[in-house]
Amino acid sequence: MNSTIAGTLFPIPGLDSGAVETPAPAPQPEPAPLGMRPAAARIVTTDAPDMHDPERRPLVFLVVNCPFCEQQHIHTGGHPGALRLCLRRSRCVGRPAGVYHFPEVQQ
């Protein structure tokens, strides 16, 4: 069965009715800095081996309780015996204007 439909089934903006004007997005204000706050941090060792490590050592993570978004942020820390801690200050993912630091790390 062959059928030919003459005309347009649905209008295509920009093709059928000419140019489509889209309003420019309103400029977003720069978030105000929230300052730097201390955060509690602890080291957590996993049970699973690191598949990218030839010795298959477990991974170590630094878990930080964020003072801005009330969540926990996880940073990689290397392997037991060869800790590689990240910077002692970091930016909150949920509220990028907030920077936290962890003056001490609990084991």
PDB file of N, CA and C in Angstrom:
ATOM      1  N   MET A   1       0.844  -1.172   0.000  1.00  0.00           N
ATOM      2  CA  MET A   1       0.000   0.000   0.000  1.00  0.00           C
ATOM      3  C   MET A   1       0.884   1.228   0.000  1.00  0.00           C
ATOM      4  N   ASN A   2       0.707   2.070  -0.983  1.00  0.00           N
ATOM      5  CA  ASN A   2       1.452   3.310  -1.105  1.00  0.00           C
ATOM      6  C   ASN A   2       0.514   4.472  -0.874  1.00  0.00           C
ATOM      7  N   SER A   3       0.982   5.444  -0.099  1.00  0.00           N
ATOM      8  CA  SER A   3       0.164   6.646   0.101  1.00  0.00           C
ATOM      9  C   SER A   3       1.085   7.850   0.122  1.00  0.00           C
ATOM     10  N   THR A   4       0.607   8.919  -0.378  1.00  0.00           N
ATOM     11  CA  THR A   4       1.364  10.168  -0.405  1.00  0.00           C
ATOM     12  C   THR A   4       0.544  11.222   0.301  1.00  0.00           C
ATOM     13  N   ILE A   5       1.178  11.886   1.251  1.00  0.00           N
ATOM     14  CA  ILE A   5       0.469  12.928   1.991  1.00  0.00           C
ATOM     15  C   ILE A   5       1.031  14.263   1.530  1.00  0.00           C
ATOM     16  N   ALA A   6       0.175  15.103   1.065  1.00  0.00           N
ATOM     17  CA  ALA A   6       0.587  16.434   0.642  1.00  0.00           C
ATOM     18  C   ALA A   6       0.383  17.386   1.806  1.00  0.00           C
ATOM     19  N   GLY A   7       1.396  18.174   2.078  1.00  0.00           N
ATOM     20  CA  GLY A   7       1.272  19.136   3.174  1.00  0.00           C
ATOM     21  C   GLY A   7       2.106  18.697   4.371  1.00  0.00           C
ATOM     22  N   THR A   8       1.994  19.452   5.435  1.00  0.00           N
ATOM     23  CA  THR A   8       2.774  19.189   6.634  1.00  0.00           C
ATOM     24  C   THR A   8       1.880  18.594   7.703  1.00  0.00           C
ATOM     25  N   LEU A   9       2.352  17.561   8.353  1.00  0.00           N
ATOM     26  CA  LEU A   9       1.570  16.949   9.422  1.00  0.00           C
ATOM     27  C   LEU A   9       1.570  17.809  10.680  1.00  0.00           C
ATOM     28  N   PHE A  10       2.706  18.414  10.962  1.00  0.00           N
ATOM     29  CA  PHE A  10       2.801  19.289  12.133  1.00  0.00           C
ATOM     30  C   PHE A  10       3.763  20.410  11.778  1.00  0.00           C
ATOM     31  N   PRO A  11       3.545  21.587  12.321  1.00  0.00           N
ATOM     32  CA  PRO A  11       4.415  22.713  11.978  1.00  0.00           C
ATOM     33  C   PRO A  11       5.787  22.567  12.644  1.00  0.00           C
ATOM     34  N   ILE A  12       6.806  22.963  11.930  1.00  0.00           N
ATOM     35  CA  ILE A  12       8.163  22.940  12.445  1.00  0.00           C
ATOM     36  C   ILE A  12       8.587  24.385  12.671  1.00  0.00           C
ATOM     37  N   PRO A  13       8.784  24.780  13.936  1.00  0.00           N
ATOM     38  CA  PRO A  13       9.160  26.177  14.203  1.00  0.00           C
ATOM     39  C   PRO A  13      10.473  26.528  13.511  1.00  0.00           C
ATOM     40  N   GLY A  14      10.474  27.676  12.890  1.00  0.00           N
ATOM     41  CA  GLY A  14      11.663  28.129  12.191  1.00  0.00           C
ATOM     42  C   GLY A  14      11.674  27.762  10.727  1.00  0.00           C
ATOM     43  N   LEU A  15      10.942  26.714  10.351  1.00  0.00           N
ATOM     44  CA  LEU A  15      10.886  26.324   8.943  1.00  0.00           C
ATOM     45  C   LEU A  15       9.565  26.730   8.306  1.00  0.00           C
ATOM     46  N   ASP A  16       8.465  26.467   8.974  1.00  0.00           N
ATOM     47  CA  ASP A  16       7.150  26.715   8.388  1.00  0.00           C
ATOM     48  C   ASP A  16       6.674  28.149   8.576  1.00  0.00           C
ATOM     49  N   SER A  17       6.960  28.727   9.721  1.00  0.00           N
ATOM     50  CA  SER A  17       6.385  30.045  10.003  1.00  0.00           C
ATOM     51  C   SER A  17       7.438  31.143  10.090  1.00  0.00           C
ATOM     52  N   GLY A  18       8.620  30.923   9.581  1.00  0.00           N
ATOM     53  CA  GLY A  18       9.645  31.956   9.607  1.00  0.00           C
ATOM     54  C   GLY A  18      10.552  31.790  10.819  1.00  0.00           C
ATOM     55  N   ALA A  19      11.252  32.835  11.134  1.00  0.00           N
ATOM     56  CA  ALA A  19      12.230  32.794  12.233  1.00  0.00           C
ATOM     57  C   ALA A  19      11.527  32.727  13.578  1.00  0.00           C
ATOM     58  N   VAL A  20      12.124  32.008  14.464  1.00  0.00           N
ATOM     59  CA  VAL A  20      11.602  31.878  15.817  1.00  0.00           C
ATOM     60  C   VAL A  20      12.478  32.706  16.731  1.00  0.00           C
ATOM     61  N   GLU A  21      11.853  33.598  17.481  1.00  0.00           N
ATOM     62  CA  GLU A  21      12.601  34.427  18.413  1.00  0.00           C
ATOM     63  C   GLU A  21      12.571  33.779  19.787  1.00  0.00           C
ATOM     64  N   THR A  22      13.730  33.517  20.329  1.00  0.00           N
ATOM     65  CA  THR A  22      13.808  32.969  21.678  1.00  0.00           C
ATOM     66  C   THR A  22      14.320  34.069  22.598  1.00  0.00           C
ATOM     67  N   PRO A  23      13.672  34.238  23.732  1.00  0.00           N
ATOM     68  CA  PRO A  23      14.129  35.293  24.639  1.00  0.00           C
ATOM     69  C   PRO A  23      15.498  34.925  25.226  1.00  0.00           C
ATOM     70  N   ALA A  24      16.313  35.946  25.380  1.00  0.00           N
ATOM     71  CA  ALA A  24      17.640  35.732  25.973  1.00  0.00           C
ATOM     72  C   ALA A  24      17.475  35.366  27.440  1.00  0.00           C
ATOM     73  N   PRO A  25      18.255  34.399  27.925  1.00  0.00           N
ATOM     74  CA  PRO A  25      18.135  34.029  29.335  1.00  0.00           C
ATOM     75  C   PRO A  25      18.582  35.188  30.228  1.00  0.00           C
ATOM     76  N   ALA A  26      17.890  35.313  31.346  1.00  0.00           N
ATOM     77  CA  ALA A  26      18.237  36.368  32.295  1.00  0.00           C
ATOM     78  C   ALA A  26      19.592  36.054  32.909  1.00  0.00           C
ATOM     79  N   PRO A  27      20.445  37.043  33.055  1.00  0.00           N
ATOM     80  CA  PRO A  27      21.757  36.773  33.650  1.00  0.00           C
ATOM     81  C   PRO A  27      21.617  36.330  35.104  1.00  0.00           C
ATOM     82  N   GLN A  28      22.360  35.285  35.446  1.00  0.00           N
ATOM     83  CA  GLN A  28      22.322  34.753  36.808  1.00  0.00           C
ATOM     84  C   GLN A  28      23.331  35.516  37.659  1.00  0.00           C
ATOM     85  N   PRO A  29      22.917  35.952  38.837  1.00  0.00           N
ATOM     86  CA  PRO A  29      23.873  36.661  39.689  1.00  0.00           C
ATOM     87  C   PRO A  29      24.956  35.714  40.199  1.00  0.00           C
ATOM     88  N   GLU A  30      26.142  36.258  40.368  1.00  0.00           N
ATOM     89  CA  GLU A  30      27.263  35.480  40.907  1.00  0.00           C
ATOM     90  C   GLU A  30      26.952  35.122  42.354  1.00  0.00           C
ATOM     91  N   PRO A  31      27.090  33.844  42.756  1.00  0.00           N
ATOM     92  CA  PRO A  31      26.786  33.495  44.144  1.00  0.00           C
ATOM     93  C   PRO A  31      27.745  34.193  45.095  1.00  0.00           C
ATOM     94  N   ALA A  32      27.189  34.706  46.184  1.00  0.00           N
ATOM     95  CA  ALA A  32      28.006  35.402  47.168  1.00  0.00           C
ATOM     96  C   ALA A  32      28.878  34.393  47.905  1.00  0.00           C
ATOM     97  N   PRO A  33      30.151  34.709  48.096  1.00  0.00           N
ATOM     98  CA  PRO A  33      31.022  33.773  48.825  1.00  0.00           C
ATOM     99  C   PRO A  33      30.483  33.525  50.230  1.00  0.00           C
ATOM    100  N   LEU A  34      30.506  32.269  50.626  1.00  0.00           N
ATOM    101  CA  LEU A  34      30.010  31.898  51.945  1.00  0.00           C
ATOM    102  C   LEU A  34      31.136  31.803  52.963  1.00  0.00           C
ATOM    103  N   GLY A  35      32.350  32.061  52.534  1.00  0.00           N
ATOM    104  CA  GLY A  35      33.477  31.996  53.450  1.00  0.00           C
ATOM    105  C   GLY A  35      34.015  30.585  53.578  1.00  0.00           C
ATOM    106  N   MET A  36      34.979  30.433  54.460  1.00  0.00           N
ATOM    107  CA  MET A  36      35.596  29.136  54.690  1.00  0.00           C
ATOM    108  C   MET A  36      35.216  28.661  56.083  1.00  0.00           C
ATOM    109  N   ARG A  37      34.742  27.438  56.170  1.00  0.00           N
ATOM    110  CA  ARG A  37      34.317  26.863  57.446  1.00  0.00           C
ATOM    111  C   ARG A  37      35.053  25.565  57.709  1.00  0.00           C
ATOM    112  N   PRO A  38      35.310  25.250  58.975  1.00  0.00           N
ATOM    113  CA  PRO A  38      35.951  23.968  59.287  1.00  0.00           C
ATOM    114  C   PRO A  38      34.963  22.819  59.133  1.00  0.00           C
ATOM    115  N   ALA A  39      35.470  21.663  58.778  1.00  0.00           N
ATOM    116  CA  ALA A  39      34.638  20.473  58.592  1.00  0.00           C
ATOM    117  C   ALA A  39      35.324  19.281  59.243  1.00  0.00           C
ATOM    118  N   ALA A  40      34.522  18.399  59.810  1.00  0.00           N
ATOM    119  CA  ALA A  40      35.054  17.166  60.401  1.00  0.00           C
ATOM    120  C   ALA A  40      35.357  16.183  59.283  1.00  0.00           C
ATOM    121  N   ALA A  41      36.502  15.498  59.387  1.00  0.00           N
ATOM    122  CA  ALA A  41      36.903  14.535  58.355  1.00  0.00           C
ATOM    123  C   ALA A  41      37.438  13.273  59.017  1.00  0.00           C
ATOM    124  N   ARG A  42      37.251  12.146  58.318  1.00  0.00           N
ATOM    125  CA  ARG A  42      37.772  10.880  58.827  1.00  0.00           C
ATOM    126  C   ARG A  42      38.244  10.028  57.650  1.00  0.00           C
ATOM    127  N   ILE A  43      39.170   9.123  57.939  1.00  0.00           N
ATOM    128  CA  ILE A  43      39.699   8.225  56.921  1.00  0.00           C
ATOM    129  C   ILE A  43      38.934   6.909  56.995  1.00  0.00           C
ATOM    130  N   VAL A  44      38.501   6.409  55.835  1.00  0.00           N
ATOM    131  CA  VAL A  44      37.752   5.160  55.742  1.00  0.00           C
ATOM    132  C   VAL A  44      38.478   4.251  54.747  1.00  0.00           C
ATOM    133  N   THR A  45      38.755   3.024  55.173  1.00  0.00           N
ATOM    134  CA  THR A  45      39.388   2.043  54.301  1.00  0.00           C
ATOM    135  C   THR A  45      38.333   1.056  53.817  1.00  0.00           C
ATOM    136  N   THR A  46      38.333   0.782  52.520  1.00  0.00           N
ATOM    137  CA  THR A  46      37.352  -0.145  51.951  1.00  0.00           C
ATOM    138  C   THR A  46      37.845  -1.587  52.083  1.00  0.00           C
ATOM    139  N   ASP A  47      36.931  -2.520  51.921  1.00  0.00           N
ATOM    140  CA  ASP A  47      37.276  -3.942  51.933  1.00  0.00           C
ATOM    141  C   ASP A  47      37.625  -4.447  50.535  1.00  0.00           C
ATOM    142  N   ALA A  48      37.094  -3.785  49.522  1.00  0.00           N
ATOM    143  CA  ALA A  48      37.297  -4.238  48.144  1.00  0.00           C
ATOM    144  C   ALA A  48      38.691  -3.834  47.654  1.00  0.00           C
ATOM    145  N   PRO A  49      39.366  -4.711  46.914  1.00  0.00           N
ATOM    146  CA  PRO A  49      40.688  -4.368  46.395  1.00  0.00           C
ATOM    147  C   PRO A  49      40.587  -3.389  45.223  1.00  0.00           C
ATOM    148  N   ASP A  50      41.627  -2.586  45.068  1.00  0.00           N
ATOM    149  CA  ASP A  50      41.718  -1.654  43.950  1.00  0.00           C
ATOM    150  C   ASP A  50      42.110  -2.453  42.711  1.00  0.00           C
ATOM    151  N   MET A  51      41.252  -2.526  41.730  1.00  0.00           N
ATOM    152  CA  MET A  51      41.497  -3.337  40.538  1.00  0.00           C
ATOM    153  C   MET A  51      42.594  -2.744  39.653  1.00  0.00           C
ATOM    154  N   HIS A  52      42.921  -1.449  39.851  1.00  0.00           N
ATOM    155  CA  HIS A  52      43.965  -0.810  39.051  1.00  0.00           C
ATOM    156  C   HIS A  52      45.336  -0.912  39.715  1.00  0.00           C
ATOM    157  N   ASP A  53      45.393  -1.439  40.905  1.00  0.00           N
ATOM    158  CA  ASP A  53      46.636  -1.580  41.647  1.00  0.00           C
ATOM    159  C   ASP A  53      47.188  -2.991  41.436  1.00  0.00           C
ATOM    160  N   PRO A  54      48.447  -3.145  40.998  1.00  0.00           N
ATOM    161  CA  PRO A  54      48.996  -4.494  40.782  1.00  0.00           C
ATOM    162  C   PRO A  54      49.034  -5.331  42.061  1.00  0.00           C
ATOM    163  N   GLU A  55      49.135  -4.670  43.215  1.00  0.00           N
ATOM    164  CA  GLU A  55      49.165  -5.402  44.490  1.00  0.00           C
ATOM    165  C   GLU A  55      47.764  -5.651  45.051  1.00  0.00           C
ATOM    166  N   ARG A  56      46.736  -5.093  44.407  1.00  0.00           N
ATOM    167  CA  ARG A  56      45.330  -5.241  44.817  1.00  0.00           C
ATOM    168  C   ARG A  56      45.092  -4.775  46.264  1.00  0.00           C
ATOM    169  N   ARG A  57      45.741  -3.664  46.627  1.00  0.00           N
ATOM    170  CA  ARG A  57      45.538  -3.106  47.966  1.00  0.00           C
ATOM    171  C   ARG A  57      44.162  -2.457  48.039  1.00  0.00           C
ATOM    172  N   PRO A  58      43.557  -2.384  49.221  1.00  0.00           N
ATOM    173  CA  PRO A  58      42.268  -1.708  49.350  1.00  0.00           C
ATOM    174  C   PRO A  58      42.442  -0.197  49.194  1.00  0.00           C
ATOM    175  N   LEU A  59      41.369   0.461  48.856  1.00  0.00           N
ATOM    176  CA  LEU A  59      41.382   1.917  48.701  1.00  0.00           C
ATOM    177  C   LEU A  59      41.090   2.602  50.027  1.00  0.00           C
ATOM    178  N   VAL A  60      41.589   3.817  50.148  1.00  0.00           N
ATOM    179  CA  VAL A  60      41.339   4.661  51.313  1.00  0.00           C
ATOM    180  C   VAL A  60      40.630   5.914  50.826  1.00  0.00           C
ATOM    181  N   PHE A  61      39.593   6.323  51.559  1.00  0.00           N
ATOM    182  CA  PHE A  61      38.859   7.541  51.222  1.00  0.00           C
ATOM    183  C   PHE A  61      38.846   8.480  52.415  1.00  0.00           C
ATOM    184  N   LEU A  62      38.782   9.757  52.128  1.00  0.00           N
ATOM    185  CA  LEU A  62      38.624  10.778  53.148  1.00  0.00           C
ATOM    186  C   LEU A  62      37.172  11.233  53.079  1.00  0.00           C
ATOM    187  N   VAL A  63      36.422  11.010  54.154  1.00  0.00           N
ATOM    188  CA  VAL A  63      35.002  11.370  54.198  1.00  0.00           C
ATOM    189  C   VAL A  63      34.867  12.642  55.026  1.00  0.00           C
ATOM    190  N   VAL A  64      34.305  13.680  54.416  1.00  0.00           N
ATOM    191  CA  VAL A  64      34.197  14.992  55.050  1.00  0.00           C
ATOM    192  C   VAL A  64      32.732  15.322  55.262  1.00  0.00           C
ATOM    193  N   ASN A  65      32.363  15.736  56.476  1.00  0.00           N
ATOM    194  CA  ASN A  65      31.012  16.220  56.767  1.00  0.00           C
ATOM    195  C   ASN A  65      30.954  17.698  56.392  1.00  0.00           C
ATOM    196  N   CYS A  66      30.251  18.010  55.319  1.00  0.00           N
ATOM    197  CA  CYS A  66      30.222  19.374  54.784  1.00  0.00           C
ATOM    198  C   CYS A  66      29.390  20.296  55.679  1.00  0.00           C
ATOM    199  N   PRO A  67      29.918  21.451  56.048  1.00  0.00           N
ATOM    200  CA  PRO A  67      29.157  22.392  56.871  1.00  0.00           C
ATOM    201  C   PRO A  67      28.151  23.213  56.075  1.00  0.00           C
ATOM    202  N   PHE A  68      28.154  23.122  54.760  1.00  0.00           N
ATOM    203  CA  PHE A  68      27.257  23.929  53.935  1.00  0.00           C
ATOM    204  C   PHE A  68      26.009  23.181  53.491  1.00  0.00           C
ATOM    205  N   CYS A  69      26.181  21.934  53.045  1.00  0.00           N
ATOM    206  CA  CYS A  69      25.030  21.211  52.493  1.00  0.00           C
ATOM    207  C   CYS A  69      24.598  20.039  53.367  1.00  0.00           C
ATOM    208  N   GLU A  70      25.232  19.864  54.516  1.00  0.00           N
ATOM    209  CA  GLU A  70      24.853  18.824  55.472  1.00  0.00           C
ATOM    210  C   GLU A  70      25.005  17.409  54.897  1.00  0.00           C
ATOM    211  N   GLN A  71      25.810  17.261  53.839  1.00  0.00           N
ATOM    212  CA  GLN A  71      26.069  15.959  53.235  1.00  0.00           C
ATOM    213  C   GLN A  71      27.516  15.566  53.503  1.00  0.00           C
ATOM    214  N   GLN A  72      27.891  14.386  53.066  1.00  0.00           N
ATOM    215  CA  GLN A  72      29.270  13.937  53.180  1.00  0.00           C
ATOM    216  C   GLN A  72      29.911  13.958  51.799  1.00  0.00           C
ATOM    217  N   HIS A  73      31.097  14.550  51.722  1.00  0.00           N
ATOM    218  CA  HIS A  73      31.858  14.562  50.482  1.00  0.00           C
ATOM    219  C   HIS A  73      32.988  13.549  50.630  1.00  0.00           C
ATOM    220  N   ILE A  74      33.254  12.816  49.566  1.00  0.00           N
ATOM    221  CA  ILE A  74      34.256  11.756  49.602  1.00  0.00           C
ATOM    222  C   ILE A  74      35.404  12.124  48.666  1.00  0.00           C
ATOM    223  N   HIS A  75      36.617  12.068  49.203  1.00  0.00           N
ATOM    224  CA  HIS A  75      37.823  12.346  48.435  1.00  0.00           C
ATOM    225  C   HIS A  75      38.684  11.086  48.449  1.00  0.00           C
ATOM    226  N   THR A  76      39.380  10.829  47.358  1.00  0.00           N
ATOM    227  CA  THR A  76      40.264   9.663  47.314  1.00  0.00           C
ATOM    228  C   THR A  76      41.484   9.913  48.181  1.00  0.00           C
ATOM    229  N   GLY A  77      41.998   8.849  48.758  1.00  0.00           N
ATOM    230  CA  GLY A  77      43.130   8.980  49.665  1.00  0.00           C
ATOM    231  C   GLY A  77      44.254   8.004  49.405  1.00  0.00           C
ATOM    232  N   GLY A  78      44.233   7.283  48.312  1.00  0.00           N
ATOM    233  CA  GLY A  78      45.312   6.351  48.012  1.00  0.00           C
ATOM    234  C   GLY A  78      45.082   4.974  48.603  1.00  0.00           C
ATOM    235  N   HIS A  79      46.149   4.386  49.157  1.00  0.00           N
ATOM    236  CA  HIS A  79      46.105   3.039  49.716  1.00  0.00           C
ATOM    237  C   HIS A  79      46.653   3.058  51.139  1.00  0.00           C
ATOM    238  N   PRO A  80      46.288   2.075  51.966  1.00  0.00           N
ATOM    239  CA  PRO A  80      46.853   2.020  53.321  1.00  0.00           C
ATOM    240  C   PRO A  80      48.380   1.922  53.259  1.00  0.00           C
ATOM    241  N   GLY A  81      49.040   2.666  54.108  1.00  0.00           N
ATOM    242  CA  GLY A  81      50.492   2.683  54.109  1.00  0.00           C
ATOM    243  C   GLY A  81      51.081   3.666  53.121  1.00  0.00           C
ATOM    244  N   ALA A  82      50.284   4.135  52.175  1.00  0.00           N
ATOM    245  CA  ALA A  82      50.728   5.118  51.181  1.00  0.00           C
ATOM    246  C   ALA A  82      49.614   6.139  50.982  1.00  0.00           C
ATOM    247  N   LEU A  83      49.199   6.776  52.080  1.00  0.00           N
ATOM    248  CA  LEU A  83      48.095   7.735  51.991  1.00  0.00           C
ATOM    249  C   LEU A  83      48.477   8.920  51.117  1.00  0.00           C
ATOM    250  N   ARG A  84      47.518   9.342  50.334  1.00  0.00           N
ATOM    251  CA  ARG A  84      47.693  10.478  49.443  1.00  0.00           C
ATOM    252  C   ARG A  84      46.473  11.369  49.658  1.00  0.00           C
ATOM    253  N   LEU A  85      46.523  12.172  50.695  1.00  0.00           N
ATOM    254  CA  LEU A  85      45.368  13.007  51.022  1.00  0.00           C
ATOM    255  C   LEU A  85      45.282  14.185  50.070  1.00  0.00           C
ATOM    256  N   CYS A  86      44.065  14.580  49.781  1.00  0.00           N
ATOM    257  CA  CYS A  86      43.825  15.702  48.889  1.00  0.00           C
ATOM    258  C   CYS A  86      44.151  17.006  49.613  1.00  0.00           C
ATOM    259  N   LEU A  87      43.896  18.103  48.945  1.00  0.00           N
ATOM    260  CA  LEU A  87      44.092  19.400  49.574  1.00  0.00           C
ATOM    261  C   LEU A  87      43.276  19.491  50.855  1.00  0.00           C
ATOM    262  N   ARG A  88      43.769  20.194  51.812  1.00  0.00           N
ATOM    263  CA  ARG A  88      43.079  20.292  53.091  1.00  0.00           C
ATOM    264  C   ARG A  88      41.955  21.325  53.050  1.00  0.00           C
ATOM    265  N   ARG A  89      41.653  21.843  51.890  1.00  0.00           N
ATOM    266  CA  ARG A  89      40.469  22.679  51.719  1.00  0.00           C
ATOM    267  C   ARG A  89      39.854  22.340  50.374  1.00  0.00           C
ATOM    268  N   SER A  90      38.550  22.444  50.296  1.00  0.00           N
ATOM    269  CA  SER A  90      37.854  22.052  49.084  1.00  0.00           C
ATOM    270  C   SER A  90      36.555  22.834  48.972  1.00  0.00           C
ATOM    271  N   ARG A  91      35.960  22.817  47.786  1.00  0.00           N
ATOM    272  CA  ARG A  91      34.716  23.537  47.519  1.00  0.00           C
ATOM    273  C   ARG A  91      33.550  22.569  47.611  1.00  0.00           C
ATOM    274  N   CYS A  92      32.458  23.024  48.207  1.00  0.00           N
ATOM    275  CA  CYS A  92      31.251  22.213  48.339  1.00  0.00           C
ATOM    276  C   CYS A  92      30.624  22.010  46.962  1.00  0.00           C
ATOM    277  N   VAL A  93      30.196  20.797  46.674  1.00  0.00           N
ATOM    278  CA  VAL A  93      29.566  20.497  45.396  1.00  0.00           C
ATOM    279  C   VAL A  93      28.151  21.079  45.340  1.00  0.00           C
ATOM    280  N   GLY A  94      27.406  20.965  46.422  1.00  0.00           N
ATOM    281  CA  GLY A  94      26.032  21.451  46.459  1.00  0.00           C
ATOM    282  C   GLY A  94      25.917  22.967  46.505  1.00  0.00           C
ATOM    283  N   ARG A  95      26.874  23.626  47.159  1.00  0.00           N
ATOM    284  CA  ARG A  95      26.890  25.089  47.261  1.00  0.00           C
ATOM    285  C   ARG A  95      28.282  25.568  46.890  1.00  0.00           C
ATOM    286  N   PRO A  96      28.548  25.763  45.597  1.00  0.00           N
ATOM    287  CA  PRO A  96      29.906  26.059  45.138  1.00  0.00           C
ATOM    288  C   PRO A  96      30.525  27.315  45.733  1.00  0.00           C
ATOM    289  N   ALA A  97      29.728  28.184  46.335  1.00  0.00           N
ATOM    290  CA  ALA A  97      30.299  29.389  46.927  1.00  0.00           C
ATOM    291  C   ALA A  97      30.920  29.095  48.290  1.00  0.00           C
ATOM    292  N   GLY A  98      30.708  27.882  48.806  1.00  0.00           N
ATOM    293  CA  GLY A  98      31.237  27.526  50.115  1.00  0.00           C
ATOM    294  C   GLY A  98      32.506  26.706  50.022  1.00  0.00           C
ATOM    295  N   VAL A  99      33.492  27.097  50.791  1.00  0.00           N
ATOM    296  CA  VAL A  99      34.765  26.368  50.836  1.00  0.00           C
ATOM    297  C   VAL A  99      34.940  25.846  52.253  1.00  0.00           C
ATOM    298  N   TYR A 100      35.285  24.568  52.368  1.00  0.00           N
ATOM    299  CA  TYR A 100      35.507  24.001  53.695  1.00  0.00           C
ATOM    300  C   TYR A 100      36.953  23.536  53.807  1.00  0.00           C
ATOM    301  N   HIS A 101      37.413  23.449  55.030  1.00  0.00           N
ATOM    302  CA  HIS A 101      38.744  22.914  55.289  1.00  0.00           C
ATOM    303  C   HIS A 101      38.642  21.961  56.468  1.00  0.00           C
ATOM    304  N   PHE A 102      39.548  21.028  56.534  1.00  0.00           N
ATOM    305  CA  PHE A 102      39.536  20.087  57.650  1.00  0.00           C
ATOM    306  C   PHE A 102      40.885  20.180  58.335  1.00  0.00           C
ATOM    307  N   PRO A 103      40.879  20.840  59.505  1.00  0.00           N
ATOM    308  CA  PRO A 103      42.131  21.047  60.227  1.00  0.00           C
ATOM    309  C   PRO A 103      42.738  19.754  60.757  1.00  0.00           C
ATOM    310  N   GLU A 104      41.926  18.759  61.082  1.00  0.00           N
ATOM    311  CA  GLU A 104      42.445  17.477  61.547  1.00  0.00           C
ATOM    312  C   GLU A 104      41.609  16.360  60.964  1.00  0.00           C
ATOM    313  N   VAL A 105      42.253  15.215  60.810  1.00  0.00           N
ATOM    314  CA  VAL A 105      41.593  14.043  60.232  1.00  0.00           C
ATOM    315  C   VAL A 105      41.598  12.933  61.272  1.00  0.00           C
ATOM    316  N   GLN A 106      40.424  12.345  61.511  1.00  0.00           N
ATOM    317  CA  GLN A 106      40.322  11.244  62.476  1.00  0.00           C
ATOM    318  C   GLN A 106      40.546   9.930  61.747  1.00  0.00           C
ATOM    319  N   GLN A 107      41.160   8.991  62.462  1.00  0.00           N
ATOM    320  CA  GLN A 107      41.401   7.669  61.878  1.00  0.00           C
ATOM    321  C   GLN A 107      40.254   6.750  62.158  1.00  0.00           C
TER     322      GLN A 107
END
